[in-house]
């Protein structure tokens, strides 16, 4: 038997593959994938049998393509799920929320049937931890954000929803510090320091928004939420940090970083560029990551995916280039923190003034829109002369020639 230590979320971390059934001429055929076994060694075990161990190298099929069908299809299906999620977010946010909430049922189903989700055995500690993570990721940041669209929450409710969602974002970065490998692993250590820096700069920005009464969430065009708790520089640093965090577990996990940027750009152009690209993070990231985790969990119940051998892992933590990347990103995180502090201390010359200006304009347009809706509703019931007077009276808005001075909350 060949002992396989995949070491990634995309494969079984510990598998025993019978060589007699699946291997010929040092080529292992298993679950639609072909691997050449290199550096094969035999280790005697009980009963006079031997256990083989070695390095797996994907074998190219005819045409030069690597046969990694199960793993390749995980990437393909994730892209399809992201596309469907994007369309549902715009056309049927209530349906999307119901699907994400219902997706956590994979864990009760696994417990009832006794099936493993990937390598996770029901009711063991790691099983409970991943089940809890799925509930948190699928529901906590997504429900408040989509609620602003589904239930048309007013400003005060949007303020509470916004700060809660950004708090969940902050926790999602902070909890990764518990997984640092501090033993001779400079890549993981430096990347962890970047996470700590991000956990400082995000509250600084949120405190600045709260201090000067800037609403963190704003609904635009009735189908998208703009959020102002993360700057573009913070998102760039966050993306590099997250990619370097997950690539050590499985290179394919970096797909979720690519997908949320693609979703942000789609929302940006769909809405006619009504906000800056970073303003769409609060909409794209919760639904993208929630859908990614949800579909990953369900794939873990399907033998075609669950029993597949994962691709060779990257030696991230021993490669000098990756150490260079995390070091540069750590230094960049100080630039991010500097500008968040600057915007907090200099509201009239930084982001605060711009956000206040945009918020005033948005409230002005929203008020005009609501009044037009009310007028169209009663138009047929009103006398033409009275209607004209009513329109002249209600649509007399003072021009937004200047902004009020920035006042800090006491």
Protein backbone atom coordinates (compact mmCIF):
# COMPACT_ATOMS: atom_id res chain seq x y z
CA UNK A 1 0.00 0.00 0.00
CA UNK A 2 1.14 3.53 -0.74
CA UNK A 3 0.75 6.01 2.11
CA UNK A 4 -0.24 9.41 0.70
CA UNK A 5 0.09 12.55 2.78
CA UNK A 6 -1.65 15.18 0.66
CA UNK A 7 -1.40 17.93 3.24
CA UNK A 8 -4.06 20.09 1.59
CA UNK A 9 -7.75 20.84 1.87
CA UNK A 10 -8.22 19.57 -1.67
CA UNK A 11 -7.16 16.00 -0.91
CA UNK A 12 -7.34 13.42 1.81
CA UNK A 13 -4.48 14.23 4.17
CA UNK A 14 -3.95 10.52 4.96
CA UNK A 15 -4.80 7.83 2.41
CA UNK A 16 -3.76 4.22 1.93
CA UNK A 17 -3.83 3.30 -1.77
CA UNK A 18 -3.40 -0.42 -2.62
CA UNK A 19 -0.51 -0.55 -5.08
CA UNK A 20 -1.54 -3.95 -6.45
CA UNK A 21 -4.82 -2.51 -7.71
CA UNK A 22 -3.80 0.97 -8.81
CA UNK A 23 -0.11 1.01 -9.74
CA UNK A 24 1.81 -0.31 -12.74
CA UNK A 25 5.31 0.57 -13.92
CA UNK A 26 5.63 3.14 -11.12
CA UNK A 27 2.54 4.98 -12.41
CA UNK A 28 -0.34 5.28 -9.97
CA UNK A 29 -3.84 5.43 -11.47
CA UNK A 30 -6.38 6.56 -8.94
CA UNK A 31 -9.76 8.29 -9.21
CA UNK A 32 -9.15 9.61 -12.72
CA UNK A 33 -5.66 10.98 -12.01
CA UNK A 34 -2.25 9.63 -13.06
CA UNK A 35 0.91 10.07 -10.98
CA UNK A 36 4.43 8.76 -11.29
CA UNK A 37 5.82 7.62 -7.96
CA UNK A 38 9.34 8.89 -7.38
CA UNK A 39 11.81 8.04 -4.61
CA UNK A 40 9.79 4.96 -3.71
CA UNK A 41 10.75 3.41 -0.38
CA UNK A 42 9.34 0.38 1.43
CA UNK A 43 8.73 0.32 5.17
CA UNK A 44 7.96 -3.02 6.88
CA UNK A 45 4.74 -3.08 8.87
CA UNK A 46 2.92 -5.71 10.90
CA UNK A 47 2.13 -9.09 9.35
CA UNK A 48 5.17 -9.19 7.09
CA UNK A 49 3.69 -6.57 4.75
CA UNK A 50 5.33 -3.40 3.48
CA UNK A 51 4.11 0.16 3.23
CA UNK A 52 5.48 2.23 0.38
CA UNK A 53 6.05 5.97 0.47
CA UNK A 54 7.24 8.33 -2.20
CA UNK A 55 6.83 11.59 -4.08
CA UNK A 56 3.92 11.87 -6.51
CA UNK A 57 4.49 13.66 -9.83
CA UNK A 58 1.49 14.24 -12.15
CA UNK A 59 1.78 12.33 -15.41
CA UNK A 60 0.95 14.18 -18.64
CA UNK A 61 -1.70 12.54 -20.77
CA UNK A 62 -1.90 12.57 -24.54
CA UNK A 63 -1.89 16.12 -25.86
CA UNK A 64 0.36 17.29 -23.04
CA UNK A 65 -2.40 18.01 -20.51
CA UNK A 66 -2.00 16.86 -16.95
CA UNK A 67 -4.64 14.40 -15.82
CA UNK A 68 -5.91 15.91 -12.58
CA UNK A 69 -9.61 15.63 -13.25
CA UNK A 70 -11.12 15.81 -9.74
CA UNK A 71 -8.93 18.71 -8.57
CA UNK A 72 -9.36 20.59 -11.85
CA UNK A 73 -13.12 20.30 -11.58
CA UNK A 74 -13.06 21.80 -8.10
CA UNK A 75 -11.64 24.98 -9.65
CA UNK A 76 -14.10 24.94 -12.55
CA UNK A 77 -17.12 24.46 -10.31
CA UNK A 78 -15.95 27.20 -7.95
CA UNK A 79 -15.92 29.64 -10.87
CA UNK A 80 -19.40 28.54 -11.92
CA UNK A 81 -20.69 28.93 -8.36
CA UNK A 82 -19.15 32.42 -8.15
CA UNK A 83 -20.90 33.42 -11.39
CA UNK A 84 -24.28 32.16 -10.19
CA UNK A 85 -23.74 33.82 -6.82
CA UNK A 86 -23.04 37.17 -8.49
CA UNK A 87 -26.23 36.98 -10.55
CA UNK A 88 -28.34 35.96 -7.54
CA UNK A 89 -26.90 38.82 -5.47
CA UNK A 90 -28.21 41.30 -8.05
CA UNK A 91 -31.47 39.62 -9.09
CA UNK A 92 -32.60 37.55 -6.10
CA UNK A 93 -30.68 38.42 -2.91
CA UNK A 94 -33.31 36.71 -0.75
CA UNK A 95 -32.81 33.43 -2.60
CA UNK A 96 -29.04 33.76 -2.26
CA UNK A 97 -29.29 34.33 1.49
CA UNK A 98 -31.56 31.28 1.86
CA UNK A 99 -29.11 29.12 -0.10
CA UNK A 100 -26.10 30.22 1.96
CA UNK A 101 -27.94 29.61 5.22
CA UNK A 102 -29.20 26.24 4.00
CA UNK A 103 -25.73 25.20 2.85
CA UNK A 104 -24.60 24.63 6.44
CA UNK A 105 -26.95 21.63 6.53
CA UNK A 106 -24.06 19.62 5.10
CA UNK A 107 -22.74 19.21 8.63
CA UNK A 108 -25.93 17.74 10.20
CA UNK A 109 -26.24 15.53 7.11
CA UNK A 110 -22.70 14.26 7.55
CA UNK A 111 -23.34 13.61 11.23
CA UNK A 112 -26.51 11.62 10.49
CA UNK A 113 -24.99 9.54 7.71
CA UNK A 114 -21.59 9.14 9.34
CA UNK A 115 -19.86 10.38 6.18
CA UNK A 116 -16.63 12.33 6.38
CA UNK A 117 -16.44 15.86 4.96
CA UNK A 118 -13.09 15.68 3.21
CA UNK A 119 -10.92 14.12 5.95
CA UNK A 120 -13.04 15.36 8.84
CA UNK A 121 -14.64 12.60 10.91
CA UNK A 122 -18.01 13.59 12.44
CA UNK A 123 -17.92 14.91 16.02
CA UNK A 124 -14.16 15.14 16.28
CA UNK A 125 -12.68 18.48 17.33
CA UNK A 126 -11.57 19.53 13.84
CA UNK A 127 -15.01 18.58 12.49
CA UNK A 128 -16.71 20.88 15.02
CA UNK A 129 -14.26 23.71 14.28
CA UNK A 130 -14.87 23.57 10.53
CA UNK A 131 -18.64 23.31 11.03
CA UNK A 132 -18.54 26.42 13.24
CA UNK A 133 -16.41 28.24 10.68
CA UNK A 134 -18.92 27.44 7.94
CA UNK A 135 -21.77 28.85 10.01
CA UNK A 136 -19.82 32.02 10.77
CA UNK A 137 -18.59 32.62 7.20
CA UNK A 138 -21.87 31.75 5.47
CA UNK A 139 -24.20 33.74 7.70
CA UNK A 140 -22.63 36.38 9.95
CA UNK A 141 -21.19 38.78 7.33
CA UNK A 142 -23.64 37.92 4.55
CA UNK A 143 -27.01 38.24 6.27
CA UNK A 144 -26.55 41.87 7.48
CA UNK A 145 -25.15 42.99 4.13
CA UNK A 146 -27.93 41.41 2.08
CA UNK A 147 -30.46 42.56 4.66
CA UNK A 148 -29.73 46.16 3.70
CA UNK A 149 -31.02 45.32 0.20
CA UNK A 150 -33.77 42.80 0.97
CA UNK A 151 -35.48 44.70 3.77
CA UNK A 152 -34.50 48.25 2.72
CA UNK A 153 -33.04 49.13 6.09
CA UNK A 154 -32.88 52.77 7.06
CA UNK A 155 -29.68 54.61 7.94
CA UNK A 156 -29.43 53.60 11.59
CA UNK A 157 -29.89 49.92 10.79
CA UNK A 158 -27.31 50.18 8.01
CA UNK A 159 -24.85 51.75 10.45
CA UNK A 160 -25.20 48.81 12.85
CA UNK A 161 -25.00 46.28 10.00
CA UNK A 162 -21.90 47.92 8.57
CA UNK A 163 -19.90 47.95 11.78
CA UNK A 164 -20.94 44.37 12.55
CA UNK A 165 -19.81 43.11 9.12
CA UNK A 166 -16.45 44.87 9.42
CA UNK A 167 -16.06 43.41 12.91
CA UNK A 168 -16.51 39.93 11.40
CA UNK A 169 -13.91 40.80 8.75
CA UNK A 170 -11.53 41.83 11.52
CA UNK A 171 -12.11 38.56 13.42
CA UNK A 172 -11.55 36.60 10.22
CA UNK A 173 -8.03 38.05 10.02
CA UNK A 174 -7.31 37.87 13.74
CA UNK A 175 -8.14 34.19 14.22
CA UNK A 176 -5.47 33.15 11.69
CA UNK A 177 -2.79 34.26 14.16
CA UNK A 178 -3.54 31.08 16.09
CA UNK A 179 -2.24 28.99 13.18
CA UNK A 180 1.22 30.53 12.94
CA UNK A 181 4.11 28.11 12.62
CA UNK A 182 6.81 29.86 14.60
CA UNK A 183 9.43 27.14 14.40
CA UNK A 184 12.03 28.08 11.79
CA UNK A 185 9.34 29.45 9.50
CA UNK A 186 10.05 33.08 8.67
CA UNK A 187 7.44 33.23 5.88
CA UNK A 188 4.62 32.31 8.24
CA UNK A 189 5.95 34.57 11.00
CA UNK A 190 6.31 37.67 8.82
CA UNK A 191 2.92 37.05 7.21
CA UNK A 192 1.44 36.80 10.69
CA UNK A 193 2.93 40.17 11.58
CA UNK A 194 1.22 41.59 8.49
CA UNK A 195 -2.08 40.19 9.76
CA UNK A 196 -1.49 41.92 13.07
CA UNK A 197 -0.82 45.21 11.27
CA UNK A 198 -4.05 44.81 9.28
CA UNK A 199 -5.92 44.16 12.53
CA UNK A 200 -4.68 47.54 13.79
CA UNK A 201 -5.31 49.65 10.69
CA UNK A 202 -8.88 48.43 10.13
CA UNK A 203 -10.19 49.56 13.56
CA UNK A 204 -8.39 52.89 13.09
CA UNK A 205 -10.36 53.55 9.90
CA UNK A 206 -13.64 52.38 11.45
CA UNK A 207 -13.07 54.62 14.45
CA UNK A 208 -12.51 57.56 12.10
CA UNK A 209 -15.79 56.82 10.32
CA UNK A 210 -17.65 56.61 13.62
CA UNK A 211 -16.03 59.71 15.07
CA UNK A 212 -17.15 61.89 12.17
CA UNK A 213 -20.55 60.23 11.67
CA UNK A 214 -19.85 58.63 8.29
CA UNK A 215 -22.30 55.83 7.47
CA UNK A 216 -20.25 52.65 6.77
CA UNK A 217 -22.90 51.13 4.44
CA UNK A 218 -24.84 52.79 1.65
CA UNK A 219 -27.28 51.10 -0.74
CA UNK A 220 -26.88 52.21 -4.35
CA UNK A 221 -29.34 51.64 -7.20
CA UNK A 222 -31.36 49.46 -4.86
CA UNK A 223 -29.29 46.33 -5.58
CA UNK A 224 -25.75 46.88 -4.30
CA UNK A 225 -24.19 47.87 -0.98
CA UNK A 226 -21.22 50.22 -0.93
CA UNK A 227 -18.97 49.99 2.11
CA UNK A 228 -16.36 52.47 3.27
CA UNK A 229 -14.54 50.57 6.02
CA UNK A 230 -11.65 49.36 3.85
CA UNK A 231 -9.34 51.46 1.73
CA UNK A 232 -7.81 50.30 -1.55
CA UNK A 233 -4.34 50.10 -0.01
CA UNK A 234 -5.73 47.94 2.82
CA UNK A 235 -7.35 45.57 0.31
CA UNK A 236 -4.13 45.16 -1.66
CA UNK A 237 -2.22 44.30 1.50
CA UNK A 238 -5.03 42.02 2.66
CA UNK A 239 -5.08 40.13 -0.65
CA UNK A 240 -1.35 39.40 -0.63
CA UNK A 241 -1.51 38.38 3.02
CA UNK A 242 -4.46 36.04 2.47
CA UNK A 243 -2.93 34.47 -0.65
CA UNK A 244 0.34 33.76 1.17
CA UNK A 245 -1.61 32.32 4.10
CA UNK A 246 -3.66 29.79 2.11
CA UNK A 247 -1.10 28.86 -0.55
CA UNK A 248 0.82 26.97 2.13
CA UNK A 249 -2.23 24.74 2.72
CA UNK A 250 -3.19 24.33 -0.95
CA UNK A 251 -2.23 26.49 -3.96
CA UNK A 252 -5.76 26.26 -5.36
CA UNK A 253 -7.17 28.12 -2.37
CA UNK A 254 -5.78 31.36 -3.80
CA UNK A 255 -8.62 31.16 -6.33
CA UNK A 256 -10.94 32.70 -3.75
CA UNK A 257 -8.75 35.84 -3.69
CA UNK A 258 -8.97 36.14 -7.47
CA UNK A 259 -12.72 35.60 -7.48
CA UNK A 260 -13.60 38.36 -5.04
CA UNK A 261 -11.60 40.90 -7.07
CA UNK A 262 -13.36 39.79 -10.26
CA UNK A 263 -16.70 40.14 -8.48
CA UNK A 264 -15.77 43.63 -7.24
CA UNK A 265 -14.96 44.79 -10.75
CA UNK A 266 -18.19 43.31 -12.08
CA UNK A 267 -20.23 45.18 -9.48
CA UNK A 268 -18.21 48.32 -10.20
CA UNK A 269 -19.12 48.36 -13.89
CA UNK A 270 -22.65 47.01 -13.37
CA UNK A 271 -23.54 50.00 -11.20
CA UNK A 272 -21.99 52.51 -13.57
CA UNK A 273 -18.96 53.19 -11.35
CA UNK A 274 -21.04 54.95 -8.71
CA UNK A 275 -18.37 54.19 -6.11
CA UNK A 276 -14.68 53.46 -5.97
CA UNK A 277 -13.55 49.91 -6.60
CA UNK A 278 -12.72 49.35 -2.92
CA UNK A 279 -16.27 50.33 -1.93
CA UNK A 280 -17.57 47.06 -3.41
CA UNK A 281 -15.51 44.83 -1.13
CA UNK A 282 -18.24 44.69 1.51
CA UNK A 283 -20.65 43.24 -1.08
CA UNK A 284 -18.29 40.96 -2.99
CA UNK A 285 -16.28 39.35 -0.20
CA UNK A 286 -19.09 38.04 2.05
CA UNK A 287 -21.09 36.37 -0.72
CA UNK A 288 -18.01 35.12 -2.59
CA UNK A 289 -16.34 33.59 0.46
CA UNK A 290 -19.66 32.26 1.79
CA UNK A 291 -20.42 30.53 -1.51
CA UNK A 292 -16.83 29.27 -1.79
CA UNK A 293 -16.90 27.68 1.67
CA UNK A 294 -20.43 26.33 1.15
CA UNK A 295 -19.58 24.58 -2.12
CA UNK A 296 -16.27 23.31 -0.72
CA UNK A 297 -18.14 21.70 2.17
CA UNK A 298 -20.59 19.93 -0.12
CA UNK A 299 -17.80 18.72 -2.40
CA UNK A 300 -16.29 17.13 0.69
CA UNK A 301 -19.22 14.70 0.77
CA UNK A 302 -18.83 13.63 -2.87
CA UNK A 303 -16.38 10.72 -3.27
CA UNK A 304 -15.22 11.95 -6.69
CA UNK A 305 -13.75 15.04 -5.03
CA UNK A 306 -13.19 13.76 -1.51
CA UNK A 307 -11.12 10.72 -2.45
CA UNK A 308 -9.01 12.45 -5.10
CA UNK A 309 -5.29 12.83 -4.68
CA UNK A 310 -4.34 16.48 -4.42
CA UNK A 311 -1.70 18.20 -6.56
CA UNK A 312 1.87 18.52 -5.29
CA UNK A 313 2.16 21.17 -2.60
CA UNK A 314 4.36 24.25 -2.94
CA UNK A 315 7.30 24.63 -0.60
CA UNK A 316 6.26 28.15 0.31
CA UNK A 317 7.88 28.39 3.70
CA UNK A 318 11.36 27.46 2.48
CA UNK A 319 11.47 29.51 -0.72
CA UNK A 320 13.35 32.86 -0.66
CA UNK A 321 10.99 34.49 -3.18
CA UNK A 322 7.97 33.97 -0.95
CA UNK A 323 9.93 35.33 2.00
CA UNK A 324 10.67 38.43 -0.11
CA UNK A 325 6.95 38.80 -0.94
CA UNK A 326 5.77 38.63 2.68
CA UNK A 327 8.53 41.00 3.85
CA UNK A 328 7.60 43.61 1.24
CA UNK A 329 3.94 43.25 2.10
CA UNK A 330 4.71 43.68 5.79
CA UNK A 331 6.54 46.93 5.05
CA UNK A 332 3.64 48.03 2.86
CA UNK A 333 1.25 47.44 5.77
CA UNK A 334 2.94 50.36 7.58
CA UNK A 335 2.07 52.60 4.63
CA UNK A 336 -1.54 51.44 4.99
CA UNK A 337 -1.53 52.17 8.71
CA UNK A 338 0.07 55.58 8.16
CA UNK A 339 -2.70 56.74 5.83
CA UNK A 340 -5.46 55.41 8.07
CA UNK A 341 -4.00 57.43 10.94
CA UNK A 342 -3.62 60.46 8.67
CA UNK A 343 -7.28 60.28 7.61
CA UNK A 344 -8.33 60.04 11.24
CA UNK A 345 -6.26 63.01 12.37
CA UNK A 346 -6.90 65.18 9.27
CA UNK A 347 -10.57 64.67 8.36
CA UNK A 348 -10.91 67.83 6.28
CA UNK A 349 -8.09 66.89 3.90
CA UNK A 350 -8.42 63.10 3.81
CA UNK A 351 -11.02 60.46 3.07
CA UNK A 352 -13.51 61.72 5.65
CA UNK A 353 -14.36 64.88 3.74
CA UNK A 354 -14.84 62.96 0.50
CA UNK A 355 -17.11 60.42 2.16
CA UNK A 356 -19.18 63.13 3.86
CA UNK A 357 -19.58 64.93 0.55
CA UNK A 358 -20.69 61.77 -1.24
CA UNK A 359 -23.09 60.91 1.58
CA UNK A 360 -24.75 64.33 1.43
CA UNK A 361 -25.17 64.03 -2.32
CA UNK A 362 -26.57 60.51 -1.97
CA UNK A 363 -29.10 61.61 0.66
CA UNK A 364 -30.07 64.55 -1.53
CA UNK A 365 -30.72 62.31 -4.54
CA UNK A 366 -32.55 59.75 -2.40
CA UNK A 367 -34.89 62.41 -1.06
CA UNK A 368 -35.65 63.64 -4.57
CA UNK A 369 -36.32 60.10 -5.75
CA UNK A 370 -38.72 59.34 -2.89
CA UNK A 371 -40.66 62.52 -3.50
CA UNK A 372 -40.98 61.74 -7.19
CA UNK A 373 -42.36 58.32 -6.33
CA UNK A 374 -44.92 59.87 -3.98
CA UNK A 375 -45.94 62.42 -6.61
CA UNK A 376 -46.42 59.80 -9.31
CA UNK A 377 -48.60 57.77 -6.94
CA UNK A 378 -51.01 60.66 -6.31
CA UNK A 379 -50.76 62.29 -9.72
CA UNK A 380 -54.04 60.94 -11.02
CA UNK A 381 -55.90 62.08 -7.91
CA UNK A 382 -54.73 65.66 -7.99
CA UNK A 383 -55.92 68.64 -9.95
CA UNK A 384 -53.41 69.63 -12.69
CA UNK A 385 -53.00 73.11 -11.23
CA UNK A 386 -52.49 71.78 -7.70
CA UNK A 387 -50.07 69.17 -9.05
CA UNK A 388 -47.95 71.86 -10.69
CA UNK A 389 -47.88 73.88 -7.48
CA UNK A 390 -47.05 70.78 -5.49
CA UNK A 391 -44.13 69.93 -7.75
CA UNK A 392 -42.75 73.45 -7.61
CA UNK A 393 -43.01 73.45 -3.83
CA UNK A 394 -41.51 70.02 -3.15
CA UNK A 395 -38.66 70.13 -5.65
CA UNK A 396 -37.20 73.40 -4.43
CA UNK A 397 -33.88 72.13 -3.08
CA UNK A 398 -31.14 74.42 -2.01
CA UNK A 399 -28.04 73.76 -4.12
CA UNK A 400 -25.28 71.85 -2.42
CA UNK A 401 -22.81 74.69 -2.70
CA UNK A 402 -20.79 73.88 0.38
CA UNK A 403 -20.40 71.19 2.98
CA UNK A 404 -20.88 71.58 6.72
CA UNK A 405 -17.77 71.65 8.80
CA UNK A 406 -16.59 68.27 9.95
CA UNK A 407 -17.69 67.74 13.53
CA UNK A 408 -16.41 64.98 15.72
CA UNK A 409 -18.77 62.99 17.94
CA UNK A 410 -18.52 63.68 21.62
